[in-house]
Amino acid sequence: MNITLREEYLPLTPQALHILLSLSENQNTGYQLKIAIREDTHGSIELSSGSIYPTLKRMCHFGLVEALNPAFGPGPQGIKQVYRLTPEGWGAIEHELNRLERTITLGRARLANRVQYTQP
């Protein structure tokens, strides 16, 4: 992965990570991604059209996802855009999951060693 580009998009936002995770199973349209992410997160992350499409555009710019040739369908101007994960996107998932694992390990260690604070 290109270090300069990596600094531009890492760490991933929770929304971006879930878009990549969803695309790791299937290529999808933005609308299908919104539904899949809502289901995957049990409703804790709900992406609006105003957030998912700019995020997808940015991810395309950095090469994390690729927009396939548009097809006719129920989208703006009768077009539906399908997206798929790229090798750079797979690398971003791996990098982000490793980062989150380190954060969780640190957090669990701090919780295990917490000190009871007393009032002065």
C-alpha atoms as a PDB file:
ATOM      1  CA  MET A   1       0.000   0.000   0.000  1.00  0.00           C
ATOM      2  CA  ASN A   2       1.187   3.502  -0.781  1.00  0.00           C
ATOM      3  CA  ILE A   3       2.200   5.194   2.486  1.00  0.00           C
ATOM      4  CA  THR A   4       1.158   8.661   1.288  1.00  0.00           C
ATOM      5  CA  LEU A   5      -2.313   7.479   0.336  1.00  0.00           C
ATOM      6  CA  ARG A   6      -2.600   5.376   3.496  1.00  0.00           C
ATOM      7  CA  GLU A   7      -2.222   8.503   5.623  1.00  0.00           C
ATOM      8  CA  GLU A   8      -5.109  10.079   3.732  1.00  0.00           C
ATOM      9  CA  TYR A   9      -7.688   7.407   4.538  1.00  0.00           C
ATOM     10  CA  LEU A  10      -6.447   5.588   7.650  1.00  0.00           C
ATOM     11  CA  PRO A  11      -7.680   5.136  10.263  1.00  0.00           C
ATOM     12  CA  LEU A  12     -10.970   4.243   8.635  1.00  0.00           C
ATOM     13  CA  THR A  13     -14.215   5.631   9.956  1.00  0.00           C
ATOM     14  CA  PRO A  14     -16.635   2.980  11.259  1.00  0.00           C
ATOM     15  CA  GLN A  15     -18.827   3.683   8.226  1.00  0.00           C
ATOM     16  CA  ALA A  16     -15.954   3.178   5.778  1.00  0.00           C
ATOM     17  CA  LEU A  17     -14.858  -0.019   7.502  1.00  0.00           C
ATOM     18  CA  HIS A  18     -18.370  -1.437   7.274  1.00  0.00           C
ATOM     19  CA  ILE A  19     -18.620  -0.494   3.597  1.00  0.00           C
ATOM     20  CA  LEU A  20     -15.385  -2.397   2.931  1.00  0.00           C
ATOM     21  CA  LEU A  21     -16.510  -5.354   5.044  1.00  0.00           C
ATOM     22  CA  SER A  22     -19.786  -5.512   3.161  1.00  0.00           C
ATOM     23  CA  LEU A  23     -17.999  -5.360  -0.189  1.00  0.00           C
ATOM     24  CA  SER A  24     -15.700  -8.179   0.964  1.00  0.00           C
ATOM     25  CA  GLU A  25     -18.685 -10.509   0.565  1.00  0.00           C
ATOM     26  CA  ASN A  26     -20.321  -9.160  -2.592  1.00  0.00           C
ATOM     27  CA  GLN A  27     -20.102  -6.347  -5.067  1.00  0.00           C
ATOM     28  CA  ASN A  28     -23.075  -4.093  -4.390  1.00  0.00           C
ATOM     29  CA  THR A  29     -24.853  -0.851  -5.119  1.00  0.00           C
ATOM     30  CA  GLY A  30     -24.862   1.960  -2.582  1.00  0.00           C
ATOM     31  CA  TYR A  31     -28.456   1.165  -1.664  1.00  0.00           C
ATOM     32  CA  GLN A  32     -27.667  -2.533  -1.141  1.00  0.00           C
ATOM     33  CA  LEU A  33     -24.676  -1.531   1.001  1.00  0.00           C
ATOM     34  CA  LYS A  34     -26.904   0.642   3.205  1.00  0.00           C
ATOM     35  CA  ILE A  35     -29.216  -2.310   3.841  1.00  0.00           C
ATOM     36  CA  ALA A  36     -26.373  -4.794   4.440  1.00  0.00           C
ATOM     37  CA  ILE A  37     -24.609  -2.464   6.891  1.00  0.00           C
ATOM     38  CA  ARG A  38     -27.822  -1.824   8.820  1.00  0.00           C
ATOM     39  CA  GLU A  39     -28.283  -5.604   9.120  1.00  0.00           C
ATOM     40  CA  ASP A  40     -24.614  -6.324   9.944  1.00  0.00           C
ATOM     41  CA  THR A  41     -24.586  -3.735  12.746  1.00  0.00           C
ATOM     42  CA  HIS A  42     -28.089  -4.520  14.025  1.00  0.00           C
ATOM     43  CA  GLY A  43     -29.061  -0.945  13.223  1.00  0.00           C
ATOM     44  CA  SER A  44     -26.237   0.756  15.118  1.00  0.00           C
ATOM     45  CA  ILE A  45     -24.868   2.204  11.868  1.00  0.00           C
ATOM     46  CA  GLU A  46     -27.380   3.624   9.415  1.00  0.00           C
ATOM     47  CA  LEU A  47     -25.934   5.322   6.380  1.00  0.00           C
ATOM     48  CA  SER A  48     -27.935   7.940   4.533  1.00  0.00           C
ATOM     49  CA  SER A  49     -27.604   8.594   0.825  1.00  0.00           C
ATOM     50  CA  GLY A  50     -25.914  11.852   1.784  1.00  0.00           C
ATOM     51  CA  SER A  51     -23.142   9.969   3.578  1.00  0.00           C
ATOM     52  CA  ILE A  52     -22.673   6.694   1.719  1.00  0.00           C
ATOM     53  CA  TYR A  53     -22.201   8.102  -1.790  1.00  0.00           C
ATOM     54  CA  PRO A  54     -19.566  10.709  -0.844  1.00  0.00           C
ATOM     55  CA  THR A  55     -17.772   8.006   1.167  1.00  0.00           C
ATOM     56  CA  LEU A  56     -17.854   5.631  -1.814  1.00  0.00           C
ATOM     57  CA  LYS A  57     -16.586   8.402  -4.102  1.00  0.00           C
ATOM     58  CA  ARG A  58     -13.675   9.086  -1.721  1.00  0.00           C
ATOM     59  CA  MET A  59     -12.929   5.365  -1.448  1.00  0.00           C
ATOM     60  CA  CYS A  60     -12.874   5.115  -5.252  1.00  0.00           C
ATOM     61  CA  HIS A  61     -10.486   8.071  -5.372  1.00  0.00           C
ATOM     62  CA  PHE A  62      -8.060   6.273  -3.033  1.00  0.00           C
ATOM     63  CA  GLY A  63      -8.451   2.953  -4.864  1.00  0.00           C
ATOM     64  CA  LEU A  64     -10.113   1.077  -2.003  1.00  0.00           C
ATOM     65  CA  VAL A  65     -13.180   0.284  -4.081  1.00  0.00           C
ATOM     66  CA  GLU A  66     -13.870   0.305  -7.778  1.00  0.00           C
ATOM     67  CA  ALA A  67     -17.029   1.520  -9.490  1.00  0.00           C
ATOM     68  CA  LEU A  68     -18.033  -0.926 -12.184  1.00  0.00           C
ATOM     69  CA  ASN A  69     -19.726   0.100 -15.408  1.00  0.00           C
ATOM     70  CA  PRO A  70     -23.111   1.591 -14.506  1.00  0.00           C
ATOM     71  CA  ALA A  71     -26.199  -0.433 -15.307  1.00  0.00           C
ATOM     72  CA  PHE A  72     -29.760   0.725 -15.794  1.00  0.00           C
ATOM     73  CA  GLY A  73     -31.819   0.453 -12.658  1.00  0.00           C
ATOM     74  CA  PRO A  74     -33.589   2.359  -9.905  1.00  0.00           C
ATOM     75  CA  GLY A  75     -31.028   5.056  -9.242  1.00  0.00           C
ATOM     76  CA  PRO A  76     -30.428   8.677 -10.155  1.00  0.00           C
ATOM     77  CA  GLN A  77     -31.266   9.112 -13.824  1.00  0.00           C
ATOM     78  CA  GLY A  78     -32.215   5.404 -13.964  1.00  0.00           C
ATOM     79  CA  ILE A  79     -28.632   4.250 -13.348  1.00  0.00           C
ATOM     80  CA  LYS A  80     -27.396   1.985 -10.581  1.00  0.00           C
ATOM     81  CA  GLN A  81     -23.698   2.001  -9.786  1.00  0.00           C
ATOM     82  CA  VAL A  82     -22.142  -1.237  -8.551  1.00  0.00           C
ATOM     83  CA  TYR A  83     -18.986  -1.179  -6.420  1.00  0.00           C
ATOM     84  CA  ARG A  84     -16.422  -3.839  -5.640  1.00  0.00           C
ATOM     85  CA  LEU A  85     -13.467  -4.155  -3.294  1.00  0.00           C
ATOM     86  CA  THR A  86      -9.938  -3.755  -4.672  1.00  0.00           C
ATOM     87  CA  PRO A  87      -6.677  -5.291  -3.385  1.00  0.00           C
ATOM     88  CA  GLU A  88      -5.971  -1.896  -1.750  1.00  0.00           C
ATOM     89  CA  GLY A  89      -9.338  -2.175  -0.007  1.00  0.00           C
ATOM     90  CA  TRP A  90      -8.465  -5.631   1.324  1.00  0.00           C
ATOM     91  CA  GLY A  91      -5.220  -4.170   2.668  1.00  0.00           C
ATOM     92  CA  ALA A  92      -7.123  -1.331   4.360  1.00  0.00           C
ATOM     93  CA  ILE A  93      -9.435  -3.856   6.065  1.00  0.00           C
ATOM     94  CA  GLU A  94      -6.466  -5.847   7.332  1.00  0.00           C
ATOM     95  CA  HIS A  95      -4.645  -2.738   8.545  1.00  0.00           C
ATOM     96  CA  GLU A  96      -7.729  -1.373  10.313  1.00  0.00           C
ATOM     97  CA  LEU A  97      -8.593  -4.674  12.005  1.00  0.00           C
ATOM     98  CA  ASN A  98      -5.011  -4.975  13.272  1.00  0.00           C
ATOM     99  CA  ARG A  99      -5.219  -1.412  14.625  1.00  0.00           C
ATOM    100  CA  LEU A 100      -8.512  -2.160  16.358  1.00  0.00           C
ATOM    101  CA  GLU A 101      -7.111  -5.384  17.856  1.00  0.00           C
ATOM    102  CA  ARG A 102      -4.194  -3.418  19.345  1.00  0.00           C
ATOM    103  CA  THR A 103      -6.617  -0.855  20.749  1.00  0.00           C
ATOM    104  CA  ILE A 104      -8.795  -3.569  22.295  1.00  0.00           C
ATOM    105  CA  THR A 105      -5.754  -5.312  23.794  1.00  0.00           C
ATOM    106  CA  LEU A 106      -4.597  -2.024  25.333  1.00  0.00           C
ATOM    107  CA  GLY A 107      -8.071  -1.240  26.628  1.00  0.00           C
ATOM    108  CA  ARG A 108      -8.503  -4.674  28.213  1.00  0.00           C
ATOM    109  CA  ALA A 109      -5.076  -4.396  29.877  1.00  0.00           C
ATOM    110  CA  ARG A 110      -5.937  -0.975  31.264  1.00  0.00           C
ATOM    111  CA  LEU A 111      -9.270  -2.264  32.564  1.00  0.00           C
ATOM    112  CA  ALA A 112      -7.575  -5.260  34.197  1.00  0.00           C
ATOM    113  CA  ASN A 113      -5.065  -2.972  35.936  1.00  0.00           C
ATOM    114  CA  ARG A 114      -7.438  -0.198  36.898  1.00  0.00           C
ATOM    115  CA  VAL A 115      -6.888   1.427  40.230  1.00  0.00           C
ATOM    116  CA  GLN A 116      -9.741   2.348  42.505  1.00  0.00           C
ATOM    117  CA  TYR A 117      -9.688   6.103  42.825  1.00  0.00           C
ATOM    118  CA  THR A 118     -10.565   7.583  46.180  1.00  0.00           C
ATOM    119  CA  GLN A 119     -11.958  10.968  46.978  1.00  0.00           C
ATOM    120  CA  PRO A 120      -9.390  13.329  48.556  1.00  0.00           C
END
